[in-house]
Amino acid sequence: MAANDQNARPGLDVLAGTTVTAPGGGAVTDTALAGVPVPGSGAVLSDAALRRALHGLPGVDQTGAQERAAALATRSIKREAKLWALEMAVRMVDLTTLEGADTPGKVRGLCAKARQPDPADPAVPPVAAVCVYPDLVATARAELAGSQVAVASVATAFPSGRASLAVKLADVAVAVDAGADEVDMVIDRGAFLSGRYAQVYEEVRAVREACGSAHLKVILETGELVTLDNVSRASWLVMLAGADFIKTSTGKVQPAATPAVALVMLAAARDFAAATGRRVGVKVAGGVRTAKDAIRYLVLVRETAGPDWLTPDYFRIGASSLLNDLLMQRSKQLTGAYAGPDYFTLD
């Protein structure tokens, strides 16, 4: 099926009667959304139609978004709220290892850490998920059996996203057949930046279908999207195609997650929910290393998307080293003494 065949892609409808807000860009009005397709029936997709819709969204005030994110980062929270925030952040972690040198033994250790982050304190909640490459999904599935921790797998030619759709779908099939609960795919940034929006849409839609009951997180690789306007447009594009989560980064490109990018993506998810009635989650990944960083993101979530997103069902943090710092800060809150990293197992 050609990516820009105007007669090839049924199954979309058009937004009407909505008014939502964009960061620094004013309201998303009926006029701005007149050509935006959403899952439904009847409308036809093409590069031209998607371009009109996505470029009709209000522009993002880059300076305003950066200043807003910086201002929220200065917020302080009380001791009781901080303990809640630290434990919530633990529950939101996707504990991740995505290295060429990963082994089954390393994944088993990571899964043990995910199930019981602090063996000395069973009150510490488990993390949300363990994220690995497709060939290690079966190992993670076996280690996490009977736990609340999900198995997530990257796919679709991670981290570049440069492969045929057939190869990407085969990658997804390997992960899902091995027992992945969640799939983290990555978009083809070259296609997006070239304006081949229908190709990106079709790939996300096809992967969403291939995932079956597994949740789909779509990585935008925001460090390569150049502008916050592109971050907003890419967020809307993949949400329209069926993403369950939108995710900042692979962690392989710098800059990865930034507060300003997260603010724009959270605002897009909030506005998409207001416009369509479907809530999509947001995941930040790459560069979130300290408890202070994590709490700043929770403040961003609360103040931008709202409290409905303050749950692992709708906000995740992809990280490897973050968990130990969350545990150390939690211990300090409870005991008044700072426990060093030697008191916790390595991630």
Protein backbone atom coordinates (compact mmCIF):
# COMPACT_ATOMS: atom_id res chain seq x y z
CA MET A 1 0.00 0.00 0.00
CA ALA A 2 1.52 3.33 -1.01
CA ALA A 3 2.15 5.65 1.90
CA ASN A 4 0.57 8.65 0.20
CA ASP A 5 -2.20 6.95 -1.77
CA GLN A 6 -5.22 9.13 -1.08
CA ASN A 7 -7.65 6.29 -1.76
CA ALA A 8 -5.84 3.62 0.24
CA ARG A 9 -6.35 4.50 3.89
CA PRO A 10 -9.94 4.55 5.20
CA GLY A 11 -10.95 4.50 8.83
CA LEU A 12 -10.49 8.08 10.05
CA ASP A 13 -12.81 10.84 11.16
CA VAL A 14 -12.42 14.58 11.62
CA LEU A 15 -12.39 16.53 14.87
CA ALA A 16 -15.09 19.07 15.44
CA GLY A 17 -16.33 21.18 18.31
CA THR A 18 -13.15 21.10 20.43
CA THR A 19 -11.19 23.86 22.11
CA VAL A 20 -8.00 22.86 23.91
CA THR A 21 -4.74 24.66 24.64
CA ALA A 22 -1.18 24.41 23.43
CA PRO A 23 1.88 25.52 25.44
CA GLY A 24 2.45 29.15 24.60
CA GLY A 25 0.49 28.79 21.39
CA GLY A 26 -3.08 29.66 22.30
CA ALA A 27 -6.16 27.49 21.92
CA VAL A 28 -6.54 24.62 19.48
CA THR A 29 -9.83 25.72 17.93
CA ASP A 30 -12.35 24.09 15.61
CA THR A 31 -10.72 25.87 12.67
CA ALA A 32 -7.21 24.69 13.54
CA LEU A 33 -8.41 21.09 13.88
CA ALA A 34 -10.68 21.10 10.85
CA GLY A 35 -8.47 18.61 9.01
CA VAL A 36 -7.14 16.53 11.89
CA PRO A 37 -8.03 12.84 11.44
CA VAL A 38 -8.73 10.63 14.42
CA PRO A 39 -9.52 6.91 14.61
CA GLY A 40 -13.08 6.48 13.49
CA SER A 41 -14.47 6.06 10.01
CA GLY A 42 -14.70 7.63 6.62
CA ALA A 43 -11.84 10.10 6.21
CA VAL A 44 -8.89 9.43 3.91
CA LEU A 45 -5.22 9.96 4.73
CA SER A 46 -2.48 11.39 2.56
CA ASP A 47 0.72 13.32 3.16
CA ALA A 48 -1.06 16.47 2.05
CA ALA A 49 -4.03 15.96 4.38
CA LEU A 50 -1.79 15.21 7.34
CA ARG A 51 0.43 18.18 6.56
CA ARG A 52 -2.56 20.50 6.54
CA ALA A 53 -3.77 19.08 9.83
CA LEU A 54 -0.45 19.00 11.67
CA HIS A 55 0.76 22.37 10.41
CA GLY A 56 -2.63 23.80 11.32
CA LEU A 57 -2.00 23.12 15.00
CA PRO A 58 -1.01 26.21 17.03
CA GLY A 59 2.71 26.88 17.01
CA VAL A 60 4.69 26.21 20.18
CA ASP A 61 6.26 29.24 21.85
CA GLN A 62 9.71 27.74 22.39
CA THR A 63 10.88 30.43 24.79
CA GLY A 64 7.61 30.27 26.70
CA ALA A 65 7.77 26.47 26.99
CA GLN A 66 11.36 26.58 28.22
CA GLU A 67 10.59 29.29 30.76
CA ARG A 68 7.49 27.47 32.00
CA ALA A 69 9.45 24.23 32.43
CA ALA A 70 12.25 26.08 34.23
CA ALA A 71 9.78 27.78 36.57
CA LEU A 72 8.11 24.48 37.47
CA ALA A 73 11.54 22.98 38.20
CA THR A 74 11.92 25.43 41.11
CA ARG A 75 8.83 24.13 42.91
CA SER A 76 9.54 22.66 46.36
CA ILE A 77 7.40 19.99 48.00
CA LYS A 78 6.83 19.09 51.65
CA ARG A 79 8.38 16.05 53.32
CA GLU A 80 5.17 13.96 53.26
CA ALA A 81 4.57 14.77 49.61
CA LYS A 82 8.20 14.02 48.79
CA LEU A 83 7.98 10.50 50.19
CA TRP A 84 4.83 9.91 48.11
CA ALA A 85 6.58 11.33 45.04
CA LEU A 86 9.66 9.12 45.50
CA GLU A 87 7.56 5.97 45.81
CA MET A 88 5.40 6.98 42.85
CA ALA A 89 8.54 7.59 40.79
CA VAL A 90 9.77 4.08 41.66
CA ARG A 91 6.44 2.67 40.43
CA MET A 92 6.81 4.63 37.18
CA VAL A 93 10.31 3.38 36.29
CA ASP A 94 10.87 1.26 33.19
CA LEU A 95 14.13 -0.36 34.34
CA THR A 96 16.14 -0.58 31.16
CA THR A 97 19.16 -2.31 29.68
CA LEU A 98 19.74 -1.82 25.96
CA GLU A 99 23.39 -2.60 25.34
CA GLY A 100 25.02 -4.86 22.80
CA ALA A 101 26.75 -6.66 25.67
CA ASP A 102 23.49 -7.55 27.48
CA THR A 103 23.35 -11.16 28.67
CA PRO A 104 20.61 -13.37 30.13
CA GLY A 105 22.38 -13.14 33.49
CA LYS A 106 22.30 -9.35 33.45
CA VAL A 107 18.59 -9.38 32.59
CA ARG A 108 17.85 -11.84 35.41
CA GLY A 109 19.59 -9.53 37.87
CA LEU A 110 17.66 -6.55 36.53
CA CYS A 111 14.38 -8.44 36.90
CA ALA A 112 15.18 -9.30 40.52
CA LYS A 113 15.85 -5.62 41.16
CA ALA A 114 12.60 -4.68 39.41
CA ARG A 115 10.50 -7.05 41.53
CA GLN A 116 12.08 -6.03 44.83
CA PRO A 117 14.08 -2.82 44.43
CA ASP A 118 15.27 -2.88 48.06
CA PRO A 119 15.51 -6.43 49.50
CA ALA A 120 15.93 -4.91 52.98
CA ASP A 121 12.60 -3.07 52.74
CA PRO A 122 9.66 -4.97 51.26
CA ALA A 123 7.52 -1.81 51.51
CA VAL A 124 9.31 -0.41 48.45
CA PRO A 125 6.98 -0.96 45.47
CA PRO A 126 8.10 -2.78 42.32
CA VAL A 127 8.88 -0.82 39.18
CA ALA A 128 6.49 -0.61 36.23
CA ALA A 129 8.44 -2.64 33.68
CA VAL A 130 11.76 -4.08 32.58
CA CYS A 131 12.77 -3.01 29.07
CA VAL A 132 15.10 -5.19 26.98
CA TYR A 133 15.88 -6.19 23.41
CA PRO A 134 13.48 -8.70 21.74
CA ASP A 135 15.86 -11.67 22.04
CA LEU A 136 15.90 -11.28 25.84
CA VAL A 137 12.13 -10.97 26.32
CA ALA A 138 11.71 -14.67 27.08
CA THR A 139 14.35 -14.44 29.83
CA ALA A 140 12.63 -11.45 31.39
CA ARG A 141 9.21 -13.09 31.03
CA ALA A 142 10.37 -16.15 32.97
CA GLU A 143 11.99 -14.09 35.74
CA LEU A 144 8.98 -11.79 36.18
CA ALA A 145 6.30 -14.49 36.10
CA GLY A 146 3.75 -13.94 38.84
CA SER A 147 4.82 -10.36 39.51
CA GLN A 148 3.20 -7.02 38.71
CA VAL A 149 6.20 -5.97 36.60
CA ALA A 150 5.57 -5.80 32.86
CA VAL A 151 8.01 -6.93 30.20
CA ALA A 152 8.74 -4.23 27.62
CA SER A 153 10.76 -4.68 24.45
CA VAL A 154 12.17 -2.22 21.97
CA ALA A 155 11.48 -3.04 18.34
CA THR A 156 11.22 -1.72 14.76
CA ALA A 157 14.96 -1.44 14.04
CA PHE A 158 15.72 0.32 17.33
CA PRO A 159 17.31 2.84 17.67
CA SER A 160 17.41 4.12 14.08
CA GLY A 161 13.98 3.07 12.85
CA ARG A 162 15.53 2.64 9.40
CA ALA A 163 14.19 -0.62 7.98
CA SER A 164 11.37 -1.86 5.79
CA LEU A 165 7.93 -2.22 7.34
CA ALA A 166 8.18 -5.99 6.88
CA VAL A 167 11.39 -6.10 8.94
CA LYS A 168 9.84 -3.87 11.62
CA LEU A 169 6.76 -6.04 11.91
CA ALA A 170 8.93 -9.16 12.14
CA ASP A 171 10.85 -7.47 14.98
CA VAL A 172 7.57 -6.81 16.78
CA ALA A 173 6.39 -10.39 16.23
CA VAL A 174 9.55 -11.76 17.88
CA ALA A 175 8.94 -9.59 20.96
CA VAL A 176 5.21 -10.28 21.24
CA ASP A 177 5.56 -14.03 20.62
CA ALA A 178 8.18 -14.18 23.40
CA GLY A 179 5.74 -12.59 25.84
CA ALA A 180 6.25 -8.83 25.73
CA ASP A 181 3.49 -6.87 27.46
CA GLU A 182 4.67 -3.59 25.94
CA VAL A 183 6.49 -2.67 22.73
CA ASP A 184 8.62 0.48 22.42
CA MET A 185 8.87 1.25 18.70
CA VAL A 186 10.78 4.14 17.13
CA ILE A 187 9.59 6.29 14.26
CA ASP A 188 11.59 6.90 11.09
CA ARG A 189 12.74 10.46 11.77
CA GLY A 190 13.99 10.83 8.21
CA ALA A 191 10.50 10.14 6.90
CA PHE A 192 8.93 12.56 9.36
CA LEU A 193 11.40 15.37 8.67
CA SER A 194 10.95 14.83 4.92
CA GLY A 195 7.20 15.35 5.29
CA ARG A 196 6.30 11.71 4.62
CA TYR A 197 3.71 11.83 7.39
CA ALA A 198 1.47 9.14 5.91
CA GLN A 199 4.39 6.68 5.93
CA VAL A 200 5.01 7.33 9.62
CA TYR A 201 1.29 7.07 10.36
CA GLU A 202 0.95 3.80 8.45
CA GLU A 203 3.96 2.25 10.20
CA VAL A 204 2.63 3.15 13.65
CA ARG A 205 -0.84 1.88 12.72
CA ALA A 206 0.57 -1.41 11.42
CA VAL A 207 2.74 -1.91 14.49
CA ARG A 208 -0.22 -1.10 16.75
CA GLU A 209 -2.16 -3.88 15.00
CA ALA A 210 0.77 -6.30 15.25
CA CYS A 211 1.06 -5.65 18.99
CA GLY A 212 -2.34 -7.20 19.66
CA SER A 213 -3.01 -6.84 23.39
CA ALA A 214 0.48 -5.46 24.10
CA HIS A 215 0.68 -1.73 24.74
CA LEU A 216 2.52 0.38 22.18
CA LYS A 217 4.92 3.14 23.16
CA VAL A 218 6.14 5.24 20.23
CA ILE A 219 9.59 6.84 20.50
CA LEU A 220 9.86 10.20 18.73
CA GLU A 221 13.62 10.69 19.28
CA THR A 222 12.99 14.33 20.03
CA GLY A 223 16.69 15.23 19.97
CA GLU A 224 16.56 14.77 16.18
CA LEU A 225 13.27 16.60 15.58
CA VAL A 226 14.97 20.04 15.75
CA THR A 227 12.03 22.15 16.98
CA LEU A 228 9.32 21.96 19.61
CA ASP A 229 6.76 22.47 16.83
CA ASN A 230 7.97 19.20 15.32
CA VAL A 231 7.74 17.51 18.72
CA SER A 232 4.10 18.61 18.96
CA ARG A 233 3.30 17.51 15.41
CA ALA A 234 4.99 14.13 15.82
CA SER A 235 3.13 13.59 19.10
CA TRP A 236 -0.22 14.22 17.44
CA LEU A 237 0.66 12.12 14.40
CA VAL A 238 1.50 8.97 16.36
CA MET A 239 -1.40 9.42 18.78
CA LEU A 240 -3.75 9.64 15.80
CA ALA A 241 -2.21 6.39 14.51
CA GLY A 242 -3.00 4.56 17.73
CA ALA A 243 -0.04 4.96 20.12
CA ASP A 244 -0.81 4.06 23.73
CA PHE A 245 2.21 6.10 24.91
CA ILE A 246 4.39 8.75 23.34
CA LYS A 247 8.05 8.54 24.38
CA THR A 248 10.79 11.13 24.13
CA SER A 249 13.91 9.22 23.24
CA THR A 250 15.87 6.04 22.68
CA GLY A 251 18.53 7.18 25.13
CA LYS A 252 21.08 6.82 22.33
CA VAL A 253 20.87 10.42 21.05
CA GLN A 254 21.59 13.68 22.86
CA PRO A 255 19.73 15.69 23.91
CA ALA A 256 17.32 13.04 25.15
CA ALA A 257 14.49 13.92 27.53
CA THR A 258 14.31 17.59 28.50
CA PRO A 259 11.71 19.38 30.61
CA ALA A 260 10.62 21.60 27.72
CA VAL A 261 10.12 18.62 25.42
CA ALA A 262 8.21 16.78 28.13
CA LEU A 263 5.99 19.82 28.68
CA VAL A 264 5.09 19.94 24.97
CA MET A 265 4.37 16.20 24.84
CA LEU A 266 2.29 16.29 28.02
CA ALA A 267 0.29 19.22 26.64
CA ALA A 268 -0.25 17.32 23.40
CA ALA A 269 -1.48 14.25 25.30
CA ARG A 270 -3.80 16.40 27.42
CA ASP A 271 -5.21 18.18 24.37
CA PHE A 272 -5.56 14.93 22.44
CA ALA A 273 -7.61 13.49 25.30
CA ALA A 274 -9.80 16.59 25.38
CA ALA A 275 -10.32 16.41 21.63
CA THR A 276 -10.86 12.67 21.19
CA GLY A 277 -11.77 11.23 24.58
CA ARG A 278 -8.76 8.84 24.46
CA ARG A 279 -6.01 9.26 27.04
CA VAL A 280 -2.44 8.54 25.89
CA GLY A 281 0.50 8.14 28.24
CA VAL A 282 3.87 9.91 28.12
CA LYS A 283 7.29 8.38 28.78
CA VAL A 284 10.52 10.33 29.30
CA ALA A 285 13.77 8.46 28.71
CA GLY A 286 17.43 9.35 28.61
CA GLY A 287 19.21 11.61 31.08
CA VAL A 288 16.83 11.17 34.03
CA ARG A 289 19.37 10.08 36.64
CA THR A 290 18.46 11.62 40.00
CA ALA A 291 15.47 11.67 42.31
CA LYS A 292 15.41 15.45 41.93
CA ASP A 293 15.07 15.03 38.15
CA ALA A 294 12.22 12.53 38.59
CA ILE A 295 10.29 14.74 41.00
CA ARG A 296 10.62 17.70 38.64
CA TYR A 297 9.00 15.60 35.94
CA LEU A 298 6.16 14.63 38.29
CA VAL A 299 5.53 18.34 38.92
CA LEU A 300 5.47 18.88 35.14
CA VAL A 301 2.93 16.09 34.77
CA ARG A 302 0.68 17.47 37.50
CA GLU A 303 0.80 21.05 36.28
CA THR A 304 0.59 20.34 32.53
CA ALA A 305 -1.47 17.21 31.88
CA GLY A 306 -3.17 17.05 35.26
CA PRO A 307 -3.50 14.51 38.09
CA ASP A 308 -5.07 11.86 35.86
CA TRP A 309 -1.61 11.31 34.36
CA LEU A 310 0.09 10.83 37.76
CA THR A 311 -0.01 7.04 37.54
CA PRO A 312 2.24 4.40 35.95
CA ASP A 313 -0.62 3.74 33.55
CA TYR A 314 -0.03 7.15 31.95
CA PHE A 315 3.47 8.30 32.88
CA ARG A 316 6.74 6.36 32.78
CA ILE A 317 10.42 7.12 33.25
CA GLY A 318 12.88 5.03 31.26
CA ALA A 319 16.10 4.73 33.23
CA SER A 320 18.91 2.49 34.43
CA SER A 321 20.72 4.44 37.17
CA LEU A 322 17.74 6.45 38.50
CA LEU A 323 16.29 3.72 40.70
CA ASN A 324 19.16 3.62 43.19
CA ASP A 325 19.00 7.36 43.75
CA LEU A 326 15.25 7.12 44.38
CA LEU A 327 15.93 4.40 46.95
CA MET A 328 18.66 6.45 48.65
CA GLN A 329 16.45 9.53 48.87
CA ARG A 330 13.53 7.46 50.17
CA SER A 331 15.75 5.99 52.89
CA LYS A 332 16.84 9.48 53.88
CA GLN A 333 13.22 10.63 54.14
CA LEU A 334 12.37 7.72 56.44
CA THR A 335 15.49 7.59 58.63
CA GLY A 336 17.02 11.04 58.37
CA ALA A 337 20.31 9.42 57.35
CA TYR A 338 21.63 9.31 53.82
CA ALA A 339 22.44 5.76 52.69
CA GLY A 340 25.18 5.57 50.08
CA PRO A 341 24.96 3.56 46.86
CA ASP A 342 26.86 0.64 48.44
CA TYR A 343 23.72 -0.15 50.43
CA PHE A 344 21.76 -0.98 47.27
CA THR A 345 22.27 -3.51 44.51
CA LEU A 346 23.53 -2.27 41.18
CA ASP A 347 20.88 -1.66 38.51
